């Protein structure tokens, strides 16, 4: 009887030990799985947090041609002055508690209410403000590109001491009292040729007391064309070639410059061209004729340049375009991928400079700097 009882206890002990070991193994394996899953999930959460901020900014500040500031796009925070004032309010409150002074209580609560009310007025000063991109002026590399913006607000509102600009660039101060729509010009420095697109505009104000700062962003869809920096290279090249014509060029009849001869008067001839001397002698009305000579067409040819370096060639051609435009010459431009026929004038100058600015980008169609009308940049 005793031996059977001992065997029963021993078998029970073995079963208990086996069950405990199986529990421990299950708990270890479960714990190891959880530990491994947590370790793998951690970088995912970091990636998600890194992606959420840009996505959140894009939703609140989408790239558009016109933007109106509202509740979702305005942020307010304390300034250094209001922080110091809060410390002073805390000290005043402790003094009021210590001395049981109603006057100190009233002063501390009045100052605190001043900060709270400033939050409302600062937010209201920015709310409803509308910014719209109007146009952008081209410039040369190293100069400042000028962007024109339209700033407006509802007629029932007034805006004061609002600052608009880019970081470390020019900042414009906007006050909308009598006029509810104004145009401002902001400039941004450039370094390289091509199509320049500025970063987000900063809009901020501390109106009315400087205790609260209201702040917002505006990502306006606008860009400017940056021409190559004009730098004439001293080299004996054949980059500007002439068409072979006569020594004086092609003769253009009915001109106004050089005297050509005398012919019989025809109806419609200008009285200034009548040969009065011949009329006094012979009594026959005759007209003096004049001709002009077309100047030789000049070609600015990329392949004819003996200069090495893409940017150096572009700078040299840019300087040549400006030189010929100032001399009122008729000139054309040949660069890899595009040929501009000889012409003159401001529009021709801009076309040539834009082609040089966008060289290598595969888009030379725009002769003028544009701001799109449908919210999509050119």
Protein backbone atom coordinates (compact mmCIF):
# COMPACT_ATOMS: atom_id res chain seq x y z
CA UNK A 1 0.00 0.00 0.00
CA UNK A 2 2.79 2.41 0.94
CA UNK A 3 4.76 1.49 -2.18
CA UNK A 4 1.79 2.14 -4.48
CA UNK A 5 1.19 5.49 -2.76
CA UNK A 6 4.85 6.45 -3.28
CA UNK A 7 4.72 5.52 -6.92
CA UNK A 8 1.59 7.65 -7.38
CA UNK A 9 3.30 10.69 -5.79
CA UNK A 10 6.42 10.20 -7.91
CA UNK A 11 4.42 10.00 -11.14
CA UNK A 12 2.44 13.11 -10.12
CA UNK A 13 5.70 14.98 -9.47
CA UNK A 14 7.01 14.00 -12.92
CA UNK A 15 3.82 15.12 -14.61
CA UNK A 16 3.96 18.43 -12.76
CA UNK A 17 7.57 19.02 -13.75
CA UNK A 18 6.80 18.19 -17.39
CA UNK A 19 3.82 20.57 -17.44
CA UNK A 20 5.90 23.35 -15.85
CA UNK A 21 8.68 22.80 -18.38
CA UNK A 22 6.18 22.90 -21.25
CA UNK A 23 4.71 26.14 -19.84
CA UNK A 24 8.15 27.66 -19.51
CA UNK A 25 9.07 26.65 -23.07
CA UNK A 26 5.80 28.10 -24.39
CA UNK A 27 6.30 31.33 -22.46
CA UNK A 28 9.90 31.61 -23.67
CA UNK A 29 8.94 30.99 -27.26
CA UNK A 30 6.04 33.45 -26.98
CA UNK A 31 8.27 36.03 -25.34
CA UNK A 32 10.95 35.61 -27.97
CA UNK A 33 8.36 36.03 -30.72
CA UNK A 34 7.00 39.19 -29.10
CA UNK A 35 10.49 40.55 -28.62
CA UNK A 36 11.38 39.90 -32.24
CA UNK A 37 8.14 41.43 -33.50
CA UNK A 38 8.64 44.56 -31.40
CA UNK A 39 12.17 44.93 -32.67
CA UNK A 40 10.99 44.71 -36.27
CA UNK A 41 8.02 47.02 -35.74
CA UNK A 42 10.13 49.82 -34.25
CA UNK A 43 11.77 51.02 -37.48
CA UNK A 44 8.38 50.90 -39.21
CA UNK A 45 6.95 53.32 -36.67
CA UNK A 46 9.94 55.65 -37.11
CA UNK A 47 9.51 55.62 -40.88
CA UNK A 48 5.81 56.31 -40.52
CA UNK A 49 6.48 59.25 -38.18
CA UNK A 50 9.04 60.65 -40.62
CA UNK A 51 6.56 60.39 -43.48
CA UNK A 52 3.61 61.84 -41.59
CA UNK A 53 5.10 65.33 -41.16
CA UNK A 54 5.68 66.05 -44.88
CA UNK A 55 2.28 64.56 -45.73
CA UNK A 56 0.64 66.69 -43.07
CA UNK A 57 2.40 69.82 -44.40
CA UNK A 58 1.40 69.01 -47.98
CA UNK A 59 -2.25 68.67 -46.99
CA UNK A 60 -2.31 71.95 -45.11
CA UNK A 61 -0.08 73.88 -47.52
CA UNK A 62 -0.62 72.50 -51.03
CA UNK A 63 1.21 74.07 -53.95
CA UNK A 64 -1.23 76.45 -55.58
CA UNK A 65 -1.36 79.77 -57.39
CA UNK A 66 -3.67 81.35 -54.79
CA UNK A 67 -4.05 80.62 -51.10
CA UNK A 68 -6.28 81.98 -48.32
CA UNK A 69 -5.23 81.67 -44.68
CA UNK A 70 -7.78 79.95 -42.46
CA UNK A 71 -7.96 78.06 -39.17
CA UNK A 72 -6.01 75.05 -40.47
CA UNK A 73 -3.10 77.15 -41.77
CA UNK A 74 -2.50 79.64 -38.95
CA UNK A 75 -0.34 78.89 -35.92
CA UNK A 76 0.03 81.08 -32.85
CA UNK A 77 2.63 80.86 -30.09
CA UNK A 78 4.05 82.95 -27.29
CA UNK A 79 6.84 85.43 -27.84
CA UNK A 80 9.71 86.12 -25.48
CA UNK A 81 7.86 89.14 -24.10
CA UNK A 82 4.78 87.12 -23.21
CA UNK A 83 6.96 84.42 -21.62
CA UNK A 84 8.60 86.99 -19.35
CA UNK A 85 5.16 88.42 -18.61
CA UNK A 86 3.87 84.99 -17.55
CA UNK A 87 6.77 84.67 -15.09
CA UNK A 88 5.90 88.11 -13.72
CA UNK A 89 2.23 87.08 -13.42
CA UNK A 90 3.27 83.98 -11.46
CA UNK A 91 5.33 86.06 -9.05
CA UNK A 92 2.50 88.56 -8.62
CA UNK A 93 0.09 85.74 -7.89
CA UNK A 94 2.41 84.35 -5.19
CA UNK A 95 2.65 87.81 -3.67
CA UNK A 96 -1.13 88.09 -3.70
CA UNK A 97 -1.43 84.75 -1.92
CA UNK A 98 1.21 85.74 0.64
CA UNK A 99 -0.18 89.18 1.42
CA UNK A 100 -3.82 88.38 0.69
CA UNK A 101 -4.00 91.45 -1.56
CA UNK A 102 -7.04 91.71 -3.81
CA UNK A 103 -5.34 94.41 -5.88
CA UNK A 104 -2.41 92.10 -6.76
CA UNK A 105 -4.88 89.35 -7.66
CA UNK A 106 -6.71 91.71 -9.99
CA UNK A 107 -3.47 92.88 -11.62
CA UNK A 108 -2.22 89.31 -12.26
CA UNK A 109 -5.54 88.16 -13.73
CA UNK A 110 -5.77 91.31 -15.88
CA UNK A 111 -2.32 90.65 -17.34
CA UNK A 112 -3.22 87.03 -17.99
CA UNK A 113 -6.43 88.09 -19.75
CA UNK A 114 -4.36 90.47 -21.89
CA UNK A 115 -2.30 87.55 -23.21
CA UNK A 116 -5.41 85.45 -23.91
CA UNK A 117 -7.14 88.29 -25.76
CA UNK A 118 -3.98 88.91 -27.81
CA UNK A 119 -4.23 85.34 -29.14
CA UNK A 120 -7.63 86.13 -30.65
CA UNK A 121 -6.57 89.45 -32.21
CA UNK A 122 -3.33 88.03 -33.64
CA UNK A 123 -5.17 85.13 -35.23
CA UNK A 124 -7.85 87.47 -36.60
CA UNK A 125 -5.17 89.67 -38.17
CA UNK A 126 -4.02 86.76 -40.37
CA UNK A 127 -7.33 85.01 -40.95
CA UNK A 128 -8.85 85.71 -44.36
CA UNK A 129 -5.63 87.01 -45.92
CA UNK A 130 -5.32 85.89 -49.57
CA UNK A 131 -2.09 85.68 -51.56
CA UNK A 132 -2.00 85.22 -55.34
CA UNK A 133 1.00 84.88 -57.65
CA UNK A 134 0.91 87.48 -60.44
CA UNK A 135 4.17 87.35 -62.38
CA UNK A 136 7.91 86.85 -62.09
CA UNK A 137 10.68 88.81 -63.77
CA UNK A 138 13.71 87.07 -65.31
CA UNK A 139 17.20 87.86 -64.12
CA UNK A 140 20.81 86.86 -64.64
CA UNK A 141 22.58 84.29 -62.46
CA UNK A 142 23.84 85.93 -59.28
CA UNK A 143 21.15 88.62 -59.35
CA UNK A 144 17.80 88.69 -57.58
CA UNK A 145 14.62 87.40 -59.21
CA UNK A 146 11.60 89.62 -58.56
CA UNK A 147 8.18 88.08 -57.90
CA UNK A 148 4.97 90.10 -57.88
CA UNK A 149 2.17 89.03 -55.53
CA UNK A 150 -1.36 90.23 -54.97
CA UNK A 151 -2.39 90.45 -51.30
CA UNK A 152 -6.04 90.98 -50.40
CA UNK A 153 -8.57 90.54 -47.61
CA UNK A 154 -12.38 90.77 -47.25
CA UNK A 155 -13.79 94.31 -47.35
CA UNK A 156 -15.11 94.13 -43.81
CA UNK A 157 -11.64 93.36 -42.42
CA UNK A 158 -8.48 95.38 -41.86
CA UNK A 159 -4.97 93.98 -41.65
CA UNK A 160 -1.98 95.59 -39.95
CA UNK A 161 1.75 94.88 -39.62
CA UNK A 162 1.86 91.60 -41.56
CA UNK A 163 5.30 90.55 -42.80
CA UNK A 164 5.70 88.43 -45.93
CA UNK A 165 8.97 87.10 -47.31
CA UNK A 166 11.55 84.35 -47.46
CA UNK A 167 14.16 83.53 -44.84
CA UNK A 168 17.33 85.64 -45.23
CA UNK A 169 15.71 87.51 -48.15
CA UNK A 170 13.66 90.67 -48.61
CA UNK A 171 10.56 91.00 -46.42
CA UNK A 172 7.55 93.20 -47.26
CA UNK A 173 5.26 94.81 -44.69
CA UNK A 174 1.54 94.71 -45.54
CA UNK A 175 -1.14 97.01 -44.16
CA UNK A 176 -4.65 96.71 -45.59
CA UNK A 177 -6.79 99.55 -44.29
CA UNK A 178 -8.29 101.71 -47.04
CA UNK A 179 -7.19 99.47 -49.91
CA UNK A 180 -8.18 95.84 -49.48
CA UNK A 181 -6.06 94.67 -52.43
CA UNK A 182 -2.43 95.63 -53.01
CA UNK A 183 0.48 94.35 -55.10
CA UNK A 184 3.87 93.73 -53.54
CA UNK A 185 7.21 92.73 -55.06
CA UNK A 186 9.59 90.33 -53.37
CA UNK A 187 13.10 89.49 -54.52
CA UNK A 188 15.05 86.27 -54.04
CA UNK A 189 18.74 85.75 -54.75
CA UNK A 190 19.77 83.22 -57.41
CA UNK A 191 22.96 81.28 -58.04
CA UNK A 192 22.52 79.15 -61.14
CA UNK A 193 20.86 79.53 -64.55
CA UNK A 194 17.66 77.71 -65.42
CA UNK A 195 14.15 77.69 -64.05
CA UNK A 196 14.17 79.02 -60.49
CA UNK A 197 11.41 78.12 -58.06
CA UNK A 198 11.53 79.73 -54.59
CA UNK A 199 10.75 77.93 -51.37
CA UNK A 200 7.74 78.47 -49.10
CA UNK A 201 6.82 82.03 -48.22
CA UNK A 202 6.75 82.89 -44.51
CA UNK A 203 3.83 85.01 -43.29
CA UNK A 204 3.92 86.27 -39.71
CA UNK A 205 2.64 89.03 -37.45
CA UNK A 206 2.83 90.08 -33.80
CA UNK A 207 -0.07 92.51 -33.99
CA UNK A 208 -1.36 94.15 -31.80
CA UNK A 209 0.84 94.04 -28.68
CA UNK A 210 3.75 91.78 -29.62
CA UNK A 211 2.75 89.20 -27.01
CA UNK A 212 1.61 86.54 -29.50
CA UNK A 213 3.17 85.68 -32.85
CA UNK A 214 0.95 84.40 -35.65
CA UNK A 215 2.70 82.42 -38.37
CA UNK A 216 1.83 80.60 -41.59
CA UNK A 217 3.30 79.28 -44.85
CA UNK A 218 2.35 79.84 -48.50
CA UNK A 219 3.69 77.58 -51.25
CA UNK A 220 2.76 79.56 -54.36
CA UNK A 221 3.21 78.01 -57.77
CA UNK A 222 5.53 80.49 -59.47
CA UNK A 223 8.94 80.38 -61.09
CA UNK A 224 11.40 82.66 -62.83
CA UNK A 225 13.87 82.20 -65.68
CA UNK A 226 17.47 82.80 -64.64
CA UNK A 227 19.72 83.69 -67.59
CA UNK A 228 23.42 82.75 -67.63
CA UNK A 229 25.71 85.37 -66.15
CA UNK A 230 27.01 87.43 -69.13
CA UNK A 231 30.78 87.03 -69.32
CA UNK A 232 32.54 87.82 -72.59
CA UNK A 233 35.51 85.57 -73.24
CA UNK A 234 38.62 86.96 -74.94
CA UNK A 235 39.28 84.43 -77.67
CA UNK A 236 39.70 84.51 -81.41
CA UNK A 237 36.72 82.43 -82.44
CA UNK A 238 34.26 82.37 -85.28
CA UNK A 239 31.22 82.20 -83.03
CA UNK A 240 29.68 85.21 -84.75
CA UNK A 241 29.70 84.72 -88.52
CA UNK A 242 28.31 86.88 -91.32
CA UNK A 243 26.19 85.94 -94.29
CA UNK A 244 28.04 86.73 -97.52
CA UNK A 245 26.28 89.69 -99.17
CA UNK A 246 27.45 92.81 -100.94
CA UNK A 247 29.73 95.22 -99.16
CA UNK A 248 26.85 97.49 -98.27
CA UNK A 249 24.29 94.75 -97.74
CA UNK A 250 21.02 94.16 -99.56
CA UNK A 251 19.38 97.28 -101.01
CA UNK A 252 15.86 98.08 -99.76
CA UNK A 253 13.89 100.47 -102.05
CA UNK A 254 11.68 103.31 -100.79
CA UNK A 255 13.99 103.90 -97.86
CA UNK A 256 14.77 107.06 -95.94
CA UNK A 257 18.54 106.98 -95.38
CA UNK A 258 20.70 107.21 -98.57
CA UNK A 259 19.93 109.36 -101.63
CA UNK A 260 19.34 107.21 -104.73
CA UNK A 261 18.18 109.53 -107.54
CA UNK A 262 15.35 111.63 -109.01
CA UNK A 263 12.15 110.47 -110.70
CA UNK A 264 8.89 112.01 -111.86
CA UNK A 265 6.40 112.93 -109.18
CA UNK A 266 3.75 110.32 -108.39
CA UNK A 267 0.53 110.80 -106.46
CA UNK A 268 1.07 110.11 -102.80
CA UNK A 269 4.75 111.16 -102.67
CA UNK A 270 5.74 113.01 -99.53
CA UNK A 271 6.14 116.80 -100.00
CA UNK A 272 9.41 116.55 -98.10
CA UNK A 273 10.90 114.47 -100.95
CA UNK A 274 9.94 116.90 -103.78
CA UNK A 275 13.00 118.32 -105.57
CA UNK A 276 12.13 122.01 -105.26
CA UNK A 277 15.38 123.12 -106.90
CA UNK A 278 14.59 121.23 -110.10
CA UNK A 279 11.01 122.54 -110.02
CA UNK A 280 12.29 126.15 -109.85
CA UNK A 281 14.51 125.61 -112.89
CA UNK A 282 12.34 123.48 -115.14
CA UNK A 283 8.84 123.90 -113.71
CA UNK A 284 8.49 120.10 -113.61
CA UNK A 285 7.67 118.40 -110.34
CA UNK A 286 10.14 115.67 -109.50
CA UNK A 287 10.71 113.52 -106.40
CA UNK A 288 13.95 112.51 -104.73
CA UNK A 289 14.26 108.78 -103.95
CA UNK A 290 16.11 107.12 -101.09
CA UNK A 291 17.17 103.58 -100.23
CA UNK A 292 18.12 101.68 -97.09
CA UNK A 293 20.58 98.83 -96.80
CA UNK A 294 19.84 95.75 -94.77
CA UNK A 295 22.60 94.96 -92.34
CA UNK A 296 24.40 91.62 -92.58
CA UNK A 297 22.85 88.83 -90.51
CA UNK A 298 25.05 87.76 -87.60
CA UNK A 299 25.02 84.19 -86.30
CA UNK A 300 26.01 83.16 -82.80
CA UNK A 301 27.06 79.59 -83.44
CA UNK A 302 27.80 77.17 -80.60
CA UNK A 303 29.87 74.84 -82.77
CA UNK A 304 32.05 77.70 -84.05
CA UNK A 305 33.22 78.65 -80.54
CA UNK A 306 36.71 77.58 -79.53
CA UNK A 307 35.88 77.95 -75.84
CA UNK A 308 35.78 74.85 -73.63
CA UNK A 309 33.11 74.32 -71.00
CA UNK A 310 29.33 74.41 -71.34
CA UNK A 311 28.64 77.15 -68.79
CA UNK A 312 31.49 79.30 -70.12
CA UNK A 313 30.08 79.05 -73.64
CA UNK A 314 26.59 79.96 -72.42
CA UNK A 315 27.93 82.99 -70.55
CA UNK A 316 29.85 84.12 -73.64
CA UNK A 317 26.82 83.75 -75.92
CA UNK A 318 24.68 85.59 -73.38
CA UNK A 319 27.11 88.51 -73.39
CA UNK A 320 27.10 88.51 -77.20
CA UNK A 321 23.29 88.59 -77.31
CA UNK A 322 23.25 91.62 -75.03
CA UNK A 323 25.95 93.32 -77.11
CA UNK A 324 24.15 92.83 -80.42
CA UNK A 325 20.83 93.86 -78.91
CA UNK A 326 22.37 97.10 -77.67
CA UNK A 327 23.89 97.73 -81.11
CA UNK A 328 20.49 96.98 -82.73
CA UNK A 329 22.02 94.26 -84.89
CA UNK A 330 20.11 91.50 -86.66
CA UNK A 331 21.44 88.21 -85.27
CA UNK A 332 20.55 84.56 -84.93
CA UNK A 333 21.46 81.83 -82.47
CA UNK A 334 22.53 78.24 -83.08
CA UNK A 335 22.88 75.91 -80.09
CA UNK A 336 22.63 72.11 -79.94
CA UNK A 337 18.98 71.21 -80.32
CA UNK A 338 17.71 74.63 -81.39
CA UNK A 339 18.18 77.29 -84.05
CA UNK A 340 16.67 80.78 -83.71
CA UNK A 341 16.44 82.67 -86.98
CA UNK A 342 18.01 86.15 -87.27
CA UNK A 343 15.89 88.99 -85.96
CA UNK A 344 16.14 91.94 -83.60
CA UNK A 345 14.18 93.59 -80.83
CA UNK A 346 13.27 92.95 -77.22
CA UNK A 347 11.22 89.82 -77.88
CA UNK A 348 14.04 88.26 -79.92
CA UNK A 349 16.52 89.08 -77.15
CA UNK A 350 14.32 87.37 -74.54
CA UNK A 351 13.86 84.33 -76.78
CA UNK A 352 17.62 83.90 -77.20
CA UNK A 353 18.37 84.44 -73.51
CA UNK A 354 15.64 81.98 -72.47
CA UNK A 355 17.04 79.36 -74.84
CA UNK A 356 20.46 79.80 -73.25
CA UNK A 357 18.98 79.69 -69.73
CA UNK A 358 17.09 76.44 -70.35
CA UNK A 359 19.87 74.77 -72.32
CA UNK A 360 20.05 71.10 -71.34
CA UNK A 361 16.58 71.04 -69.76
CA UNK A 362 14.81 70.07 -72.98
CA UNK A 363 12.35 72.99 -72.85
CA UNK A 364 13.03 76.13 -74.86
CA UNK A 365 9.48 77.00 -75.81
CA UNK A 366 8.92 79.90 -73.42
CA UNK A 367 10.38 83.25 -74.39
CA UNK A 368 8.83 84.97 -71.41
CA UNK A 369 8.76 84.10 -67.74
CA UNK A 370 5.28 82.86 -66.92
CA UNK A 371 3.13 82.22 -63.89
CA UNK A 372 0.46 79.72 -64.82
CA UNK A 373 -3.22 80.56 -64.59
CA UNK A 374 -4.37 77.08 -63.66
CA UNK A 375 -2.14 76.46 -60.66
CA UNK A 376 0.38 74.32 -62.50
CA UNK A 377 3.83 75.82 -62.99
CA UNK A 378 5.16 76.38 -66.47
